[in-house]
Amino acid sequence: MAFGAARALRILLVVAGIAAALSGLAWLTLRGQTACEVCVVYQGREACREASAATVEDAQHHAQATACAMVTGGVTQDLECQRSEPTRLRCE
């Protein structure tokens, strides 16, 4: 009986250790992240996208690039769209 209790305690400690490690990894990954939603209108088409990054500038850039990719039809149009002012910008 004592052997079974010791084994159960070891298993419980291993599970708790794994849970703590995963929680720590999630915290390290998500801390300091900024999320932005950007909407763009290009030639009458509108798209809104969200992105997260370590800085506001990076999050805004990634969200705008993704939104522009939805409403453009080529590299030149995509670059024009990315240089345009977003119609909506919200960062947290």
PDB file of N, CA and C in Angstrom:
ATOM      1  N   MET A   1       0.816  -1.181   0.000  1.00  0.00           N
ATOM      2  CA  MET A   1       0.000   0.000   0.000  1.00  0.00           C
ATOM      3  C   MET A   1       0.874   1.265   0.000  1.00  0.00           C
ATOM      4  N   ALA A   2       1.938   1.292   0.778  1.00  0.00           N
ATOM      5  CA  ALA A   2       2.822   2.451   0.834  1.00  0.00           C
ATOM      6  C   ALA A   2       3.514   2.654  -0.502  1.00  0.00           C
ATOM      7  N   PHE A   3       3.842   1.559  -1.194  1.00  0.00           N
ATOM      8  CA  PHE A   3       4.486   1.654  -2.506  1.00  0.00           C
ATOM      9  C   PHE A   3       3.543   2.308  -3.516  1.00  0.00           C
ATOM     10  N   GLY A   4       2.263   1.986  -3.490  1.00  0.00           N
ATOM     11  CA  GLY A   4       1.272   2.571  -4.390  1.00  0.00           C
ATOM     12  C   GLY A   4       1.056   4.046  -4.119  1.00  0.00           C
ATOM     13  N   ALA A   5       1.070   4.430  -2.862  1.00  0.00           N
ATOM     14  CA  ALA A   5       0.893   5.837  -2.500  1.00  0.00           C
ATOM     15  C   ALA A   5       2.093   6.660  -2.955  1.00  0.00           C
ATOM     16  N   ALA A   6       3.285   6.099  -2.814  1.00  0.00           N
ATOM     17  CA  ALA A   6       4.496   6.799  -3.244  1.00  0.00           C
ATOM     18  C   ALA A   6       4.499   6.981  -4.763  1.00  0.00           C
ATOM     19  N   ARG A   7       4.056   5.959  -5.465  1.00  0.00           N
ATOM     20  CA  ARG A   7       3.993   6.046  -6.926  1.00  0.00           C
ATOM     21  C   ARG A   7       2.973   7.100  -7.366  1.00  0.00           C
ATOM     22  N   ALA A   8       1.825   7.112  -6.711  1.00  0.00           N
ATOM     23  CA  ALA A   8       0.784   8.095  -7.034  1.00  0.00           C
ATOM     24  C   ALA A   8       1.282   9.512  -6.756  1.00  0.00           C
ATOM     25  N   LEU A   9       2.025   9.683  -5.658  1.00  0.00           N
ATOM     26  CA  LEU A   9       2.572  10.996  -5.332  1.00  0.00           C
ATOM     27  C   LEU A   9       3.580  11.437  -6.390  1.00  0.00           C
ATOM     28  N   ARG A  10       4.424  10.503  -6.842  1.00  0.00           N
ATOM     29  CA  ARG A  10       5.396  10.826  -7.893  1.00  0.00           C
ATOM     30  C   ARG A  10       4.698  11.244  -9.184  1.00  0.00           C
ATOM     31  N   ILE A  11       3.660  10.526  -9.549  1.00  0.00           N
ATOM     32  CA  ILE A  11       2.907  10.851 -10.766  1.00  0.00           C
ATOM     33  C   ILE A  11       2.257  12.235 -10.624  1.00  0.00           C
ATOM     34  N   LEU A  12       1.703  12.511  -9.466  1.00  0.00           N
ATOM     35  CA  LEU A  12       1.088  13.807  -9.214  1.00  0.00           C
ATOM     36  C   LEU A  12       2.121  14.933  -9.309  1.00  0.00           C
ATOM     37  N   LEU A  13       3.304  14.707  -8.774  1.00  0.00           N
ATOM     38  CA  LEU A  13       4.363  15.712  -8.850  1.00  0.00           C
ATOM     39  C   LEU A  13       4.826  15.937 -10.284  1.00  0.00           C
ATOM     40  N   VAL A  14       4.919  14.892 -11.068  1.00  0.00           N
ATOM     41  CA  VAL A  14       5.311  15.024 -12.476  1.00  0.00           C
ATOM     42  C   VAL A  14       4.256  15.815 -13.242  1.00  0.00           C
ATOM     43  N   VAL A  15       2.987  15.498 -13.047  1.00  0.00           N
ATOM     44  CA  VAL A  15       1.904  16.207 -13.721  1.00  0.00           C
ATOM     45  C   VAL A  15       1.906  17.679 -13.308  1.00  0.00           C
ATOM     46  N   ALA A  16       2.090  17.954 -12.030  1.00  0.00           N
ATOM     47  CA  ALA A  16       2.133  19.334 -11.560  1.00  0.00           C
ATOM     48  C   ALA A  16       3.331  20.074 -12.152  1.00  0.00           C
ATOM     49  N   GLY A  17       4.464  19.416 -12.261  1.00  0.00           N
ATOM     50  CA  GLY A  17       5.651  20.025 -12.868  1.00  0.00           C
ATOM     51  C   GLY A  17       5.437  20.349 -14.334  1.00  0.00           C
ATOM     52  N   ILE A  18       4.815  19.438 -15.058  1.00  0.00           N
ATOM     53  CA  ILE A  18       4.527  19.682 -16.481  1.00  0.00           C
ATOM     54  C   ILE A  18       3.557  20.845 -16.632  1.00  0.00           C
ATOM     55  N   ALA A  19       2.530  20.882 -15.794  1.00  0.00           N
ATOM     56  CA  ALA A  19       1.561  21.984 -15.851  1.00  0.00           C
ATOM     57  C   ALA A  19       2.237  23.319 -15.544  1.00  0.00           C
ATOM     58  N   ALA A  20       3.124  23.340 -14.572  1.00  0.00           N
ATOM     59  CA  ALA A  20       3.834  24.576 -14.233  1.00  0.00           C
ATOM     60  C   ALA A  20       4.738  25.014 -15.382  1.00  0.00           C
ATOM     61  N   ALA A  21       5.417  24.063 -16.006  1.00  0.00           N
ATOM     62  CA  ALA A  21       6.298  24.394 -17.128  1.00  0.00           C
ATOM     63  C   ALA A  21       5.498  24.950 -18.301  1.00  0.00           C
ATOM     64  N   LEU A  22       4.369  24.349 -18.622  1.00  0.00           N
ATOM     65  CA  LEU A  22       3.532  24.838 -19.717  1.00  0.00           C
ATOM     66  C   LEU A  22       2.957  26.214 -19.413  1.00  0.00           C
ATOM     67  N   SER A  23       2.560  26.445 -18.175  1.00  0.00           N
ATOM     68  CA  SER A  23       2.050  27.765 -17.792  1.00  0.00           C
ATOM     69  C   SER A  23       3.141  28.822 -17.921  1.00  0.00           C
ATOM     70  N   GLY A  24       4.333  28.495 -17.486  1.00  0.00           N
ATOM     71  CA  GLY A  24       5.449  29.424 -17.607  1.00  0.00           C
ATOM     72  C   GLY A  24       5.783  29.732 -19.045  1.00  0.00           C
ATOM     73  N   LEU A  25       5.766  28.721 -19.895  1.00  0.00           N
ATOM     74  CA  LEU A  25       6.040  28.915 -21.320  1.00  0.00           C
ATOM     75  C   LEU A  25       4.980  29.806 -21.955  1.00  0.00           C
ATOM     76  N   ALA A  26       3.722  29.577 -21.628  1.00  0.00           N
ATOM     77  CA  ALA A  26       2.644  30.412 -22.172  1.00  0.00           C
ATOM     78  C   ALA A  26       2.806  31.859 -21.713  1.00  0.00           C
ATOM     79  N   TRP A  27       3.146  32.061 -20.449  1.00  0.00           N
ATOM     80  CA  TRP A  27       3.326  33.422 -19.932  1.00  0.00           C
ATOM     81  C   TRP A  27       4.483  34.120 -20.636  1.00  0.00           C
ATOM     82  N   LEU A  28       5.604  33.418 -20.818  1.00  0.00           N
ATOM     83  CA  LEU A  28       6.750  34.024 -21.496  1.00  0.00           C
ATOM     84  C   LEU A  28       6.436  34.363 -22.945  1.00  0.00           C
ATOM     85  N   THR A  29       5.637  33.530 -23.582  1.00  0.00           N
ATOM     86  CA  THR A  29       5.292  33.749 -24.984  1.00  0.00           C
ATOM     87  C   THR A  29       4.351  34.939 -25.146  1.00  0.00           C
ATOM     88  N   LEU A  30       3.396  35.095 -24.256  1.00  0.00           N
ATOM     89  CA  LEU A  30       2.353  36.093 -24.423  1.00  0.00           C
ATOM     90  C   LEU A  30       2.632  37.426 -23.736  1.00  0.00           C
ATOM     91  N   ARG A  31       3.566  37.474 -22.813  1.00  0.00           N
ATOM     92  CA  ARG A  31       3.809  38.741 -22.104  1.00  0.00           C
ATOM     93  C   ARG A  31       4.374  39.772 -23.068  1.00  0.00           C
ATOM     94  N   GLY A  32       3.955  40.967 -22.881  1.00  0.00           N
ATOM     95  CA  GLY A  32       4.470  42.046 -23.704  1.00  0.00           C
ATOM     96  C   GLY A  32       3.912  42.087 -25.120  1.00  0.00           C
ATOM     97  N   GLN A  33       2.944  41.256 -25.424  1.00  0.00           N
ATOM     98  CA  GLN A  33       2.367  41.252 -26.761  1.00  0.00           C
ATOM     99  C   GLN A  33       1.338  42.377 -26.888  1.00  0.00           C
ATOM    100  N   THR A  34       1.343  43.033 -28.024  1.00  0.00           N
ATOM    101  CA  THR A  34       0.368  44.063 -28.333  1.00  0.00           C
ATOM    102  C   THR A  34      -0.459  43.595 -29.510  1.00  0.00           C
ATOM    103  N   ALA A  35      -1.762  43.728 -29.413  1.00  0.00           N
ATOM    104  CA  ALA A  35      -2.653  43.327 -30.501  1.00  0.00           C
ATOM    105  C   ALA A  35      -3.238  44.578 -31.153  1.00  0.00           C
ATOM    106  N   CYS A  36      -3.256  44.578 -32.479  1.00  0.00           N
ATOM    107  CA  CYS A  36      -3.843  45.687 -33.234  1.00  0.00           C
ATOM    108  C   CYS A  36      -4.836  45.152 -34.259  1.00  0.00           C
ATOM    109  N   GLU A  37      -5.910  45.908 -34.442  1.00  0.00           N
ATOM    110  CA  GLU A  37      -6.836  45.650 -35.537  1.00  0.00           C
ATOM    111  C   GLU A  37      -6.727  46.825 -36.496  1.00  0.00           C
ATOM    112  N   VAL A  38      -6.534  46.525 -37.772  1.00  0.00           N
ATOM    113  CA  VAL A  38      -6.379  47.555 -38.799  1.00  0.00           C
ATOM    114  C   VAL A  38      -7.387  47.288 -39.911  1.00  0.00           C
ATOM    115  N   CYS A  39      -8.080  48.334 -40.341  1.00  0.00           N
ATOM    116  CA  CYS A  39      -8.972  48.249 -41.492  1.00  0.00           C
ATOM    117  C   CYS A  39      -8.420  49.150 -42.587  1.00  0.00           C
ATOM    118  N   VAL A  40      -8.493  48.666 -43.823  1.00  0.00           N
ATOM    119  CA  VAL A  40      -8.049  49.442 -44.981  1.00  0.00           C
ATOM    120  C   VAL A  40      -9.124  49.395 -46.048  1.00  0.00           C
ATOM    121  N   VAL A  41      -9.159  50.446 -46.863  1.00  0.00           N
ATOM    122  CA  VAL A  41     -10.011  50.468 -48.053  1.00  0.00           C
ATOM    123  C   VAL A  41      -9.090  50.738 -49.221  1.00  0.00           C
ATOM    124  N   TYR A  42      -9.152  49.852 -50.224  1.00  0.00           N
ATOM    125  CA  TYR A  42      -8.327  50.024 -51.411  1.00  0.00           C
ATOM    126  C   TYR A  42      -9.205  49.781 -52.634  1.00  0.00           C
ATOM    127  N   GLN A  43      -9.333  50.793 -53.465  1.00  0.00           N
ATOM    128  CA  GLN A  43     -10.156  50.741 -54.675  1.00  0.00           C
ATOM    129  C   GLN A  43     -11.565  50.217 -54.381  1.00  0.00           C
ATOM    130  N   GLY A  44     -12.145  50.740 -53.311  1.00  0.00           N
ATOM    131  CA  GLY A  44     -13.523  50.402 -52.966  1.00  0.00           C
ATOM    132  C   GLY A  44     -13.693  49.101 -52.200  1.00  0.00           C
ATOM    133  N   ARG A  45     -12.642  48.358 -51.991  1.00  0.00           N
ATOM    134  CA  ARG A  45     -12.737  47.101 -51.236  1.00  0.00           C
ATOM    135  C   ARG A  45     -12.183  47.337 -49.835  1.00  0.00           C
ATOM    136  N   GLU A  46     -12.849  46.765 -48.843  1.00  0.00           N
ATOM    137  CA  GLU A  46     -12.438  46.949 -47.456  1.00  0.00           C
ATOM    138  C   GLU A  46     -12.117  45.611 -46.813  1.00  0.00           C
ATOM    139  N   ALA A  47     -11.093  45.622 -45.960  1.00  0.00           N
ATOM    140  CA  ALA A  47     -10.738  44.444 -45.177  1.00  0.00           C
ATOM    141  C   ALA A  47     -10.190  44.894 -43.834  1.00  0.00           C
ATOM    142  N   CYS A  48     -10.479  44.116 -42.812  1.00  0.00           N
ATOM    143  CA  CYS A  48      -9.956  44.366 -41.472  1.00  0.00           C
ATOM    144  C   CYS A  48      -9.266  43.096 -40.996  1.00  0.00           C
ATOM    145  N   ARG A  49      -8.116  43.267 -40.355  1.00  0.00           N
ATOM    146  CA  ARG A  49      -7.372  42.121 -39.838  1.00  0.00           C
ATOM    147  C   ARG A  49      -6.717  42.492 -38.514  1.00  0.00           C
ATOM    148  N   GLU A  50      -6.471  41.466 -37.697  1.00  0.00           N
ATOM    149  CA  GLU A  50      -5.793  41.635 -36.413  1.00  0.00           C
ATOM    150  C   GLU A  50      -4.448  40.941 -36.452  1.00  0.00           C
ATOM    151  N   ALA A  51      -3.516  41.475 -35.662  1.00  0.00           N
ATOM    152  CA  ALA A  51      -2.204  40.854 -35.519  1.00  0.00           C
ATOM    153  C   ALA A  51      -1.651  41.200 -34.143  1.00  0.00           C
ATOM    154  N   SER A  52      -0.774  40.339 -33.639  1.00  0.00           N
ATOM    155  CA  SER A  52      -0.102  40.569 -32.361  1.00  0.00           C
ATOM    156  C   SER A  52       1.394  40.546 -32.584  1.00  0.00           C
ATOM    157  N   ALA A  53       2.087  41.382 -31.829  1.00  0.00           N
ATOM    158  CA  ALA A  53       3.547  41.440 -31.916  1.00  0.00           C
ATOM    159  C   ALA A  53       4.089  42.066 -30.644  1.00  0.00           C
ATOM    160  N   ALA A  54       5.401  42.100 -30.543  1.00  0.00           N
ATOM    161  CA  ALA A  54       6.050  42.643 -29.355  1.00  0.00           C
ATOM    162  C   ALA A  54       5.892  44.158 -29.254  1.00  0.00           C
ATOM    163  N   THR A  55       5.771  44.835 -30.389  1.00  0.00           N
ATOM    164  CA  THR A  55       5.622  46.290 -30.370  1.00  0.00           C
ATOM    165  C   THR A  55       4.354  46.694 -31.110  1.00  0.00           C
ATOM    166  N   VAL A  56       3.861  47.894 -30.807  1.00  0.00           N
ATOM    167  CA  VAL A  56       2.675  48.415 -31.487  1.00  0.00           C
ATOM    168  C   VAL A  56       2.953  48.560 -32.982  1.00  0.00           C
ATOM    169  N   GLU A  57       4.137  49.058 -33.325  1.00  0.00           N
ATOM    170  CA  GLU A  57       4.486  49.270 -34.737  1.00  0.00           C
ATOM    171  C   GLU A  57       4.464  47.954 -35.515  1.00  0.00           C
ATOM    172  N   ASP A  58       5.034  46.902 -34.934  1.00  0.00           N
ATOM    173  CA  ASP A  58       5.050  45.609 -35.616  1.00  0.00           C
ATOM    174  C   ASP A  58       3.645  45.031 -35.749  1.00  0.00           C
ATOM    175  N   ALA A  59       2.853  45.125 -34.697  1.00  0.00           N
ATOM    176  CA  ALA A  59       1.483  44.604 -34.751  1.00  0.00           C
ATOM    177  C   ALA A  59       0.667  45.344 -35.799  1.00  0.00           C
ATOM    178  N   GLN A  60       0.813  46.673 -35.839  1.00  0.00           N
ATOM    179  CA  GLN A  60       0.087  47.468 -36.827  1.00  0.00           C
ATOM    180  C   GLN A  60       0.537  47.104 -38.235  1.00  0.00           C
ATOM    181  N   HIS A  61       1.826  46.991 -38.441  1.00  0.00           N
ATOM    182  CA  HIS A  61       2.357  46.661 -39.768  1.00  0.00           C
ATOM    183  C   HIS A  61       1.850  45.300 -40.244  1.00  0.00           C
ATOM    184  N   HIS A  62       1.905  44.294 -39.377  1.00  0.00           N
ATOM    185  CA  HIS A  62       1.462  42.951 -39.777  1.00  0.00           C
ATOM    186  C   HIS A  62      -0.039  42.919 -40.060  1.00  0.00           C
ATOM    187  N   ALA A  63      -0.830  43.611 -39.235  1.00  0.00           N
ATOM    188  CA  ALA A  63      -2.274  43.638 -39.460  1.00  0.00           C
ATOM    189  C   ALA A  63      -2.605  44.345 -40.770  1.00  0.00           C
ATOM    190  N   GLN A  64      -1.929  45.461 -41.042  1.00  0.00           N
ATOM    191  CA  GLN A  64      -2.197  46.194 -42.283  1.00  0.00           C
ATOM    192  C   GLN A  64      -1.742  45.385 -43.497  1.00  0.00           C
ATOM    193  N   ALA A  65      -0.604  44.743 -43.409  1.00  0.00           N
ATOM    194  CA  ALA A  65      -0.125  43.932 -44.530  1.00  0.00           C
ATOM    195  C   ALA A  65      -1.101  42.802 -44.841  1.00  0.00           C
ATOM    196  N   THR A  66      -1.634  42.175 -43.810  1.00  0.00           N
ATOM    197  CA  THR A  66      -2.586  41.083 -44.021  1.00  0.00           C
ATOM    198  C   THR A  66      -3.896  41.605 -44.604  1.00  0.00           C
ATOM    199  N   ALA A  67      -4.369  42.744 -44.104  1.00  0.00           N
ATOM    200  CA  ALA A  67      -5.601  43.335 -44.640  1.00  0.00           C
ATOM    201  C   ALA A  67      -5.411  43.736 -46.100  1.00  0.00           C
ATOM    202  N   CYS A  68      -4.266  44.344 -46.414  1.00  0.00           N
ATOM    203  CA  CYS A  68      -4.006  44.764 -47.791  1.00  0.00           C
ATOM    204  C   CYS A  68      -3.940  43.561 -48.743  1.00  0.00           C
ATOM    205  N   ALA A  69      -3.402  42.466 -48.263  1.00  0.00           N
ATOM    206  CA  ALA A  69      -3.322  41.271 -49.106  1.00  0.00           C
ATOM    207  C   ALA A  69      -4.705  40.767 -49.509  1.00  0.00           C
ATOM    208  N   MET A  70      -5.724  41.082 -48.683  1.00  0.00           N
ATOM    209  CA  MET A  70      -7.087  40.630 -48.977  1.00  0.00           C
ATOM    210  C   MET A  70      -7.772  41.470 -50.050  1.00  0.00           C
ATOM    211  N   VAL A  71      -7.319  42.714 -50.263  1.00  0.00           N
ATOM    212  CA  VAL A  71      -8.046  43.616 -51.161  1.00  0.00           C
ATOM    213  C   VAL A  71      -7.231  44.049 -52.384  1.00  0.00           C
ATOM    214  N   THR A  72      -6.029  43.563 -52.527  1.00  0.00           N
ATOM    215  CA  THR A  72      -5.196  43.963 -53.663  1.00  0.00           C
ATOM    216  C   THR A  72      -4.967  42.782 -54.591  1.00  0.00           C
ATOM    217  N   GLY A  73      -4.453  43.112 -55.770  1.00  0.00           N
ATOM    218  CA  GLY A  73      -4.235  42.065 -56.764  1.00  0.00           C
ATOM    219  C   GLY A  73      -2.842  42.109 -57.369  1.00  0.00           C
ATOM    220  N   GLY A  74      -1.839  42.279 -56.562  1.00  0.00           N
ATOM    221  CA  GLY A  74      -0.482  42.294 -57.081  1.00  0.00           C
ATOM    222  C   GLY A  74       0.439  43.073 -56.169  1.00  0.00           C
ATOM    223  N   VAL A  75       1.719  42.977 -56.456  1.00  0.00           N
ATOM    224  CA  VAL A  75       2.727  43.586 -55.606  1.00  0.00           C
ATOM    225  C   VAL A  75       2.591  45.103 -55.571  1.00  0.00           C
ATOM    226  N   THR A  76       2.401  45.735 -56.720  1.00  0.00           N
ATOM    227  CA  THR A  76       2.307  47.191 -56.775  1.00  0.00           C
ATOM    228  C   THR A  76       1.117  47.689 -55.973  1.00  0.00           C
ATOM    229  N   GLN A  77      -0.042  47.067 -56.159  1.00  0.00           N
ATOM    230  CA  GLN A  77      -1.230  47.456 -55.406  1.00  0.00           C
ATOM    231  C   GLN A  77      -1.035  47.199 -53.918  1.00  0.00           C
ATOM    232  N   ASP A  78      -0.419  46.088 -53.581  1.00  0.00           N
ATOM    233  CA  ASP A  78      -0.197  45.754 -52.183  1.00  0.00           C
ATOM    234  C   ASP A  78       0.684  46.805 -51.505  1.00  0.00           C
ATOM    235  N   LEU A  79       1.741  47.224 -52.183  1.00  0.00           N
ATOM    236  CA  LEU A  79       2.624  48.246 -51.623  1.00  0.00           C
ATOM    237  C   LEU A  79       1.904  49.589 -51.484  1.00  0.00           C
ATOM    238  N   GLU A  80       1.080  49.954 -52.471  1.00  0.00           N
ATOM    239  CA  GLU A  80       0.299  51.195 -52.374  1.00  0.00           C
ATOM    240  C   GLU A  80      -0.639  51.135 -51.171  1.00  0.00           C
ATOM    241  N   CYS A  81      -1.302  50.014 -51.005  1.00  0.00           N
ATOM    242  CA  CYS A  81      -2.240  49.843 -49.896  1.00  0.00           C
ATOM    243  C   CYS A  81      -1.511  49.936 -48.557  1.00  0.00           C
ATOM    244  N   GLN A  82      -0.369  49.304 -48.450  1.00  0.00           N
ATOM    245  CA  GLN A  82       0.369  49.329 -47.191  1.00  0.00           C
ATOM    246  C   GLN A  82       0.881  50.721 -46.843  1.00  0.00           C
ATOM    247  N   ARG A  83       1.092  51.562 -47.845  1.00  0.00           N
ATOM    248  CA  ARG A  83       1.540  52.934 -47.588  1.00  0.00           C
ATOM    249  C   ARG A  83       0.368  53.870 -47.289  1.00  0.00           C
ATOM    250  N   SER A  84      -0.850  53.408 -47.506  1.00  0.00           N
ATOM    251  CA  SER A  84      -2.022  54.260 -47.268  1.00  0.00           C
ATOM    252  C   SER A  84      -2.361  54.307 -45.781  1.00  0.00           C
ATOM    253  N   GLU A  85      -3.142  55.314 -45.422  1.00  0.00           N
ATOM    254  CA  GLU A  85      -3.583  55.490 -44.035  1.00  0.00           C
ATOM    255  C   GLU A  85      -4.724  54.503 -43.765  1.00  0.00           C
ATOM    256  N   PRO A  86      -4.659  53.747 -42.669  1.00  0.00           N
ATOM    257  CA  PRO A  86      -5.760  52.829 -42.355  1.00  0.00           C
ATOM    258  C   PRO A  86      -7.046  53.608 -42.046  1.00  0.00           C
ATOM    259  N   THR A  87      -8.186  53.007 -42.367  1.00  0.00           N
ATOM    260  CA  THR A  87      -9.460  53.656 -42.059  1.00  0.00           C
ATOM    261  C   THR A  87      -9.836  53.416 -40.605  1.00  0.00           C
ATOM    262  N   ARG A  88      -9.253  52.402 -40.007  1.00  0.00           N
ATOM    263  CA  ARG A  88      -9.491  52.112 -38.606  1.00  0.00           C
ATOM    264  C   ARG A  88      -8.225  51.506 -38.018  1.00  0.00           C
ATOM    265  N   LEU A  89      -7.870  51.940 -36.819  1.00  0.00           N
ATOM    266  CA  LEU A  89      -6.702  51.408 -36.132  1.00  0.00           C
ATOM    267  C   LEU A  89      -7.012  51.354 -34.648  1.00  0.00           C
ATOM    268  N   ARG A  90      -6.961  50.146 -34.093  1.00  0.00           N
ATOM    269  CA  ARG A  90      -7.217  49.962 -32.658  1.00  0.00           C
ATOM    270  C   ARG A  90      -6.187  48.990 -32.116  1.00  0.00           C
ATOM    271  N   CYS A  91      -5.410  49.430 -31.145  1.00  0.00           N
ATOM    272  CA  CYS A  91      -4.382  48.589 -30.532  1.00  0.00           C
ATOM    273  C   CYS A  91      -4.624  48.486 -29.034  1.00  0.00           C
ATOM    274  N   GLU A  92      -4.319  47.320 -28.495  1.00  0.00           N
ATOM    275  CA  GLU A  92      -4.464  47.073 -27.044  1.00  0.00           C
ATOM    276  C   GLU A  92      -3.141  46.643 -26.483  1.00  0.00           C
TER     277      GLU A  92
END
